C-alpha atoms as a PDB file:
ATOM      1  CA  MET A   1     142.463-233.359-174.716  1.00  0.00           C
ATOM      2  CA  PRO A   2     141.899-233.609-178.456  1.00  0.00           C
ATOM      3  CA  GLU A   3     143.045-236.778-180.119  1.00  0.00           C
ATOM      4  CA  MET A   4     145.940-236.735-182.581  1.00  0.00           C
ATOM      5  CA  THR A   5     145.476-237.629-186.152  1.00  0.00           C
ATOM      6  CA  GLU A   6     147.526-240.485-187.508  1.00  0.00           C
ATOM      7  CA  GLU A   7     149.640-237.985-189.446  1.00  0.00           C
ATOM      8  CA  GLU A   8     150.375-235.972-186.271  1.00  0.00           C
ATOM      9  CA  ALA A   9     151.269-239.138-184.378  1.00  0.00           C
ATOM     10  CA  PHE A  10     153.740-240.210-187.077  1.00  0.00           C
ATOM     11  CA  ALA A  11     155.300-236.721-187.119  1.00  0.00           C
ATOM     12  CA  LEU A  12     155.684-236.720-183.329  1.00  0.00           C
ATOM     13  CA  ASP A  13     157.157-240.229-183.371  1.00  0.00           C
ATOM     14  CA  GLU A  14     159.669-239.236-186.045  1.00  0.00           C
ATOM     15  CA  LYS A  15     160.677-236.099-184.128  1.00  0.00           C
ATOM     16  CA  TRP A  16     161.394-237.975-180.876  1.00  0.00           C
ATOM     17  CA  THR A  17     163.045-240.896-182.662  1.00  0.00           C
ATOM     18  CA  LYS A  18     165.540-238.590-184.385  1.00  0.00           C
ATOM     19  CA  THR A  19     166.029-236.081-181.540  1.00  0.00           C
ATOM     20  CA  THR A  20     168.292-236.771-178.580  1.00  0.00           C
ATOM     21  CA  PRO A  21     166.867-235.190-175.429  1.00  0.00           C
ATOM     22  CA  LYS A  22     169.259-232.925-173.549  1.00  0.00           C
ATOM     23  CA  ILE A  23     169.276-232.724-169.777  1.00  0.00           C
ATOM     24  CA  ASN A  24     170.111-229.401-168.169  1.00  0.00           C
ATOM     25  CA  PRO A  25     171.044-229.840-164.479  1.00  0.00           C
ATOM     26  CA  ASP A  26     170.317-226.144-163.909  1.00  0.00           C
ATOM     27  CA  LYS A  27     166.617-226.698-164.585  1.00  0.00           C
ATOM     28  CA  PRO A  28     164.424-228.449-162.035  1.00  0.00           C
ATOM     29  CA  GLY A  29     163.393-231.963-162.910  1.00  0.00           C
ATOM     30  CA  ILE A  30     163.613-235.517-161.653  1.00  0.00           C
ATOM     31  CA  PHE A  31     166.902-236.359-163.378  1.00  0.00           C
ATOM     32  CA  ALA A  32     168.558-233.078-162.442  1.00  0.00           C
ATOM     33  CA  ARG A  33     167.531-233.491-158.800  1.00  0.00           C
ATOM     34  CA  GLN A  34     168.846-237.058-158.684  1.00  0.00           C
ATOM     35  CA  ASN A  35     172.198-236.047-160.145  1.00  0.00           C
ATOM     36  CA  ALA A  36     172.446-233.144-157.712  1.00  0.00           C
ATOM     37  CA  LEU A  37     171.619-235.483-154.833  1.00  0.00           C
ATOM     38  CA  LEU A  38     174.269-237.996-155.835  1.00  0.00           C
ATOM     39  CA  GLY A  39     176.810-235.229-156.360  1.00  0.00           C
ATOM     40  CA  VAL A  40     177.122-234.640-152.603  1.00  0.00           C
ATOM     41  CA  LEU A  41     177.870-238.267-151.752  1.00  0.00           C
ATOM     42  CA  ASP A  42     181.288-239.846-151.597  1.00  0.00           C
ATOM     43  CA  ALA A  43     182.292-242.054-154.521  1.00  0.00           C
ATOM     44  CA  VAL A  44     181.656-245.358-152.715  1.00  0.00           C
ATOM     45  CA  SER A  45     178.131-244.354-151.662  1.00  0.00           C
ATOM     46  CA  GLU A  46     177.327-243.019-155.113  1.00  0.00           C
ATOM     47  CA  ASP A  47     178.526-246.236-156.795  1.00  0.00           C
ATOM     48  CA  TYR A  48     176.550-248.359-154.335  1.00  0.00           C
ATOM     49  CA  ILE A  49     173.316-246.433-154.898  1.00  0.00           C
ATOM     50  CA  ARG A  50     173.701-246.380-158.680  1.00  0.00           C
ATOM     51  CA  THR A  51     174.478-250.124-158.759  1.00  0.00           C
ATOM     52  CA  LYS A  52     171.465-250.980-156.593  1.00  0.00           C
ATOM     53  CA  ALA A  53     169.230-248.684-158.658  1.00  0.00           C
ATOM     54  CA  GLU A  54     170.238-250.419-161.877  1.00  0.00           C
ATOM     55  CA  ALA A  55     169.932-253.899-160.355  1.00  0.00           C
ATOM     56  CA  TYR A  56     166.442-253.282-158.961  1.00  0.00           C
ATOM     57  CA  GLN A  57     165.323-251.000-161.807  1.00  0.00           C
ATOM     58  CA  LYS A  58     164.577-248.166-159.388  1.00  0.00           C
ATOM     59  CA  THR A  59     165.649-244.553-159.198  1.00  0.00           C
ATOM     60  CA  PRO A  60     168.488-243.540-156.863  1.00  0.00           C
ATOM     61  CA  ALA A  61     165.926-241.634-154.772  1.00  0.00           C
ATOM     62  CA  GLU A  62     163.880-244.836-154.341  1.00  0.00           C
ATOM     63  CA  ILE A  63     166.990-246.731-153.196  1.00  0.00           C
ATOM     64  CA  ILE A  64     167.807-244.028-150.647  1.00  0.00           C
ATOM     65  CA  SER A  65     164.197-244.048-149.454  1.00  0.00           C
ATOM     66  CA  ASP A  66     164.325-247.832-149.048  1.00  0.00           C
ATOM     67  CA  LEU A  67     167.525-247.557-147.002  1.00  0.00           C
ATOM     68  CA  VAL A  68     166.025-244.881-144.741  1.00  0.00           C
ATOM     69  CA  MET A  69     162.800-246.864-144.249  1.00  0.00           C
ATOM     70  CA  GLU A  70     164.845-249.968-143.392  1.00  0.00           C
ATOM     71  CA  LYS A  71     166.794-248.032-140.751  1.00  0.00           C
ATOM     72  CA  LEU A  72     163.581-246.584-139.309  1.00  0.00           C
ATOM     73  CA  ALA A  73     162.002-250.032-139.115  1.00  0.00           C
ATOM     74  CA  MET A  74     165.027-251.334-137.230  1.00  0.00           C
ATOM     75  CA  ALA A  75     164.818-248.445-134.737  1.00  0.00           C
ATOM     76  CA  VAL A  76     161.299-249.348-133.621  1.00  0.00           C
END
């Protein structure tokens, strides 16, 4: 990968500093998949997962994975 010049780096920084990214849930991607996943849960479950994700600085998918792994460990 070719290296950026300092001028190109400043231009790229300015573009992303002044541009707000838009998320389209119709396109595949990590954020769209997480929102789609949480959309099928009831409100209490969704709030719980979002709260835990923020508290532990993890994604909702990581929180769900942790919960599943905990249940599997208890089953053994």
